[in-house]
Amino acid sequence: MVSSRGVRHDSMRARNLSVVLATIHRSGPATRAALAERTGLTKTTVSSLVADLLEAGVVAEGGVVRGGERGGPAWRSG
């Protein structure tokens, strides 16, 4: 039996994945730091979500960081 807490966590994670993916789609390539700022999620949460999206082949690492932005490589929808 799945606890209601587990269900809430899963639905929140799915919602956060959607938010991150929609932000990448709408705004274009972005660093994890920029995604965290745009979505209001923590950098740790964004990093975990981006790792899941990378593993699923939904986003790809762009490797280019625009001038002045902090953070790791840019991500784009795949």
N, C-alpha and C. Protein backbone atom coordinates (compact mmCIF):
# COMPACT_ATOMS: atom_id res chain seq x y z
N MET A 1 0.83 -1.17 0.00
CA MET A 1 0.00 0.00 0.00
C MET A 1 0.88 1.25 0.00
N VAL A 2 0.56 2.22 -0.80
CA VAL A 2 1.31 3.46 -0.90
C VAL A 2 0.71 4.48 0.06
N SER A 3 1.57 5.12 0.84
CA SER A 3 1.06 6.13 1.76
C SER A 3 0.65 7.38 0.98
N SER A 4 -0.24 8.17 1.58
CA SER A 4 -0.66 9.40 0.92
C SER A 4 0.50 10.37 0.79
N ARG A 5 1.46 10.28 1.71
CA ARG A 5 2.64 11.14 1.62
C ARG A 5 3.45 10.80 0.37
N GLY A 6 3.60 9.51 0.06
CA GLY A 6 4.31 9.09 -1.15
C GLY A 6 3.61 9.56 -2.41
N VAL A 7 2.30 9.53 -2.40
CA VAL A 7 1.52 9.98 -3.55
C VAL A 7 1.69 11.48 -3.73
N ARG A 8 1.65 12.23 -2.63
CA ARG A 8 1.83 13.69 -2.72
C ARG A 8 3.23 14.02 -3.24
N HIS A 9 4.24 13.29 -2.76
CA HIS A 9 5.61 13.52 -3.21
C HIS A 9 5.71 13.25 -4.71
N ASP A 10 5.15 12.14 -5.16
CA ASP A 10 5.20 11.79 -6.58
C ASP A 10 4.48 12.82 -7.44
N SER A 11 3.33 13.28 -6.99
CA SER A 11 2.59 14.26 -7.79
C SER A 11 3.30 15.61 -7.78
N MET A 12 3.94 15.97 -6.67
CA MET A 12 4.70 17.22 -6.61
C MET A 12 5.92 17.14 -7.52
N ARG A 13 6.59 15.99 -7.53
CA ARG A 13 7.75 15.82 -8.40
C ARG A 13 7.33 15.91 -9.88
N ALA A 14 6.22 15.29 -10.22
CA ALA A 14 5.71 15.35 -11.60
C ALA A 14 5.38 16.79 -11.97
N ARG A 15 4.77 17.51 -11.04
CA ARG A 15 4.43 18.92 -11.29
C ARG A 15 5.71 19.73 -11.49
N ASN A 16 6.71 19.51 -10.63
CA ASN A 16 7.97 20.24 -10.75
C ASN A 16 8.70 19.91 -12.05
N LEU A 17 8.66 18.66 -12.48
CA LEU A 17 9.24 18.28 -13.77
C LEU A 17 8.57 19.06 -14.90
N SER A 18 7.26 19.15 -14.84
CA SER A 18 6.50 19.91 -15.85
C SER A 18 6.89 21.38 -15.85
N VAL A 19 7.04 21.94 -14.67
CA VAL A 19 7.41 23.35 -14.55
C VAL A 19 8.78 23.60 -15.16
N VAL A 20 9.75 22.76 -14.84
CA VAL A 20 11.10 22.92 -15.37
C VAL A 20 11.11 22.75 -16.89
N LEU A 21 10.45 21.73 -17.37
CA LEU A 21 10.42 21.49 -18.82
C LEU A 21 9.71 22.63 -19.56
N ALA A 22 8.60 23.11 -19.03
CA ALA A 22 7.88 24.23 -19.65
C ALA A 22 8.75 25.48 -19.66
N THR A 23 9.51 25.70 -18.61
CA THR A 23 10.39 26.87 -18.53
C THR A 23 11.49 26.78 -19.58
N ILE A 24 12.09 25.61 -19.74
CA ILE A 24 13.11 25.41 -20.78
C ILE A 24 12.50 25.62 -22.16
N HIS A 25 11.33 25.07 -22.37
CA HIS A 25 10.67 25.18 -23.67
C HIS A 25 10.34 26.64 -23.99
N ARG A 26 9.84 27.35 -22.99
CA ARG A 26 9.40 28.74 -23.18
C ARG A 26 10.59 29.70 -23.29
N SER A 27 11.60 29.51 -22.44
CA SER A 27 12.69 30.48 -22.34
C SER A 27 13.95 30.09 -23.09
N GLY A 28 14.03 28.84 -23.53
CA GLY A 28 15.22 28.39 -24.23
C GLY A 28 16.27 27.88 -23.26
N PRO A 29 17.48 27.59 -23.75
CA PRO A 29 18.53 27.03 -22.92
C PRO A 29 18.78 27.88 -21.68
N ALA A 30 19.03 27.21 -20.57
CA ALA A 30 19.25 27.92 -19.31
C ALA A 30 20.12 27.08 -18.39
N THR A 31 20.88 27.74 -17.54
CA THR A 31 21.65 27.03 -16.53
C THR A 31 20.71 26.57 -15.43
N ARG A 32 21.21 25.67 -14.60
CA ARG A 32 20.41 25.23 -13.45
C ARG A 32 20.09 26.41 -12.54
N ALA A 33 21.07 27.30 -12.35
CA ALA A 33 20.84 28.47 -11.50
C ALA A 33 19.73 29.35 -12.07
N ALA A 34 19.74 29.55 -13.38
CA ALA A 34 18.70 30.36 -14.02
C ALA A 34 17.34 29.67 -13.93
N LEU A 35 17.33 28.35 -14.12
CA LEU A 35 16.06 27.61 -13.99
C LEU A 35 15.52 27.71 -12.57
N ALA A 36 16.40 27.62 -11.58
CA ALA A 36 15.96 27.74 -10.19
C ALA A 36 15.35 29.12 -9.96
N GLU A 37 15.99 30.13 -10.47
CA GLU A 37 15.49 31.49 -10.29
C GLU A 37 14.14 31.68 -10.99
N ARG A 38 14.02 31.17 -12.21
CA ARG A 38 12.79 31.35 -12.99
C ARG A 38 11.62 30.54 -12.44
N THR A 39 11.92 29.39 -11.85
CA THR A 39 10.83 28.51 -11.38
C THR A 39 10.52 28.68 -9.90
N GLY A 40 11.46 29.25 -9.14
CA GLY A 40 11.28 29.35 -7.70
C GLY A 40 11.65 28.08 -6.96
N LEU A 41 12.18 27.09 -7.67
CA LEU A 41 12.64 25.85 -7.05
C LEU A 41 14.09 26.02 -6.60
N THR A 42 14.54 25.17 -5.69
CA THR A 42 15.94 25.25 -5.26
C THR A 42 16.85 24.70 -6.35
N LYS A 43 18.13 25.11 -6.31
CA LYS A 43 19.10 24.59 -7.28
C LYS A 43 19.24 23.08 -7.15
N THR A 44 19.19 22.57 -5.92
CA THR A 44 19.29 21.13 -5.70
C THR A 44 18.13 20.40 -6.36
N THR A 45 16.92 20.92 -6.19
CA THR A 45 15.74 20.31 -6.80
C THR A 45 15.85 20.36 -8.32
N VAL A 46 16.24 21.51 -8.86
CA VAL A 46 16.37 21.66 -10.32
C VAL A 46 17.42 20.68 -10.84
N SER A 47 18.55 20.54 -10.16
CA SER A 47 19.59 19.61 -10.60
C SER A 47 19.07 18.19 -10.65
N SER A 48 18.32 17.79 -9.64
CA SER A 48 17.75 16.44 -9.60
C SER A 48 16.73 16.24 -10.73
N LEU A 49 15.90 17.23 -10.96
CA LEU A 49 14.89 17.13 -12.02
C LEU A 49 15.55 17.09 -13.39
N VAL A 50 16.55 17.94 -13.60
CA VAL A 50 17.26 17.96 -14.89
C VAL A 50 17.95 16.63 -15.14
N ALA A 51 18.51 16.04 -14.09
CA ALA A 51 19.14 14.71 -14.24
C ALA A 51 18.12 13.68 -14.71
N ASP A 52 16.91 13.73 -14.16
CA ASP A 52 15.85 12.82 -14.60
C ASP A 52 15.47 13.08 -16.05
N LEU A 53 15.37 14.35 -16.42
CA LEU A 53 15.01 14.70 -17.81
C LEU A 53 16.12 14.30 -18.78
N LEU A 54 17.38 14.45 -18.36
CA LEU A 54 18.51 14.00 -19.19
C LEU A 54 18.46 12.49 -19.40
N GLU A 55 18.26 11.77 -18.32
CA GLU A 55 18.21 10.31 -18.39
C GLU A 55 17.09 9.83 -19.30
N ALA A 56 15.97 10.56 -19.30
CA ALA A 56 14.83 10.19 -20.14
C ALA A 56 15.02 10.67 -21.58
N GLY A 57 16.08 11.44 -21.84
CA GLY A 57 16.31 11.93 -23.20
C GLY A 57 15.42 13.09 -23.60
N VAL A 58 14.83 13.74 -22.61
CA VAL A 58 13.91 14.84 -22.88
C VAL A 58 14.65 16.16 -23.05
N VAL A 59 15.77 16.32 -22.35
CA VAL A 59 16.61 17.51 -22.51
C VAL A 59 18.02 17.06 -22.83
N ALA A 60 18.80 17.99 -23.35
CA ALA A 60 20.20 17.71 -23.68
C ALA A 60 21.07 18.82 -23.13
N GLU A 61 22.29 18.47 -22.76
CA GLU A 61 23.22 19.45 -22.27
C GLU A 61 23.72 20.27 -23.44
N GLY A 62 23.60 21.59 -23.32
CA GLY A 62 24.02 22.47 -24.41
C GLY A 62 25.47 22.88 -24.32
N GLY A 63 26.00 22.97 -23.11
CA GLY A 63 27.41 23.30 -22.92
C GLY A 63 27.77 24.76 -23.10
N VAL A 64 26.84 25.60 -23.51
CA VAL A 64 27.14 27.01 -23.72
C VAL A 64 26.43 27.81 -22.64
N VAL A 65 27.19 28.66 -21.97
CA VAL A 65 26.61 29.53 -20.95
C VAL A 65 26.74 30.95 -21.46
N ARG A 66 25.62 31.65 -21.51
CA ARG A 66 25.63 33.04 -21.97
C ARG A 66 26.40 33.90 -20.97
N GLY A 67 27.01 34.94 -21.46
CA GLY A 67 27.79 35.83 -20.61
C GLY A 67 27.02 36.34 -19.41
N GLY A 68 27.68 36.33 -18.27
CA GLY A 68 27.07 36.87 -17.07
C GLY A 68 26.22 35.90 -16.28
N GLU A 69 25.88 34.74 -16.82
CA GLU A 69 25.06 33.77 -16.08
C GLU A 69 25.95 32.88 -15.26
N ARG A 70 25.49 32.61 -14.04
CA ARG A 70 26.21 31.68 -13.17
C ARG A 70 25.63 30.30 -13.36
N GLY A 71 26.39 29.30 -12.96
CA GLY A 71 25.87 27.94 -12.97
C GLY A 71 26.57 27.06 -13.97
N GLY A 72 26.03 25.86 -14.12
CA GLY A 72 26.61 24.87 -15.01
C GLY A 72 26.17 25.07 -16.44
N PRO A 73 26.28 24.01 -17.24
CA PRO A 73 25.94 24.10 -18.65
C PRO A 73 24.46 24.42 -18.88
N ALA A 74 24.18 24.97 -20.02
CA ALA A 74 22.80 25.26 -20.38
C ALA A 74 22.08 23.98 -20.80
N TRP A 75 20.77 23.96 -20.59
CA TRP A 75 19.95 22.80 -20.94
C TRP A 75 18.94 23.23 -21.97
N ARG A 76 18.65 22.37 -22.89
CA ARG A 76 17.63 22.67 -23.90
C ARG A 76 16.75 21.45 -24.04
N SER A 77 15.52 21.68 -24.48
CA SER A 77 14.63 20.55 -24.68
C SER A 77 15.11 19.77 -25.88
N GLY A 78 14.98 18.44 -25.80
CA GLY A 78 15.53 17.56 -26.82
C GLY A 78 14.62 17.25 -27.93
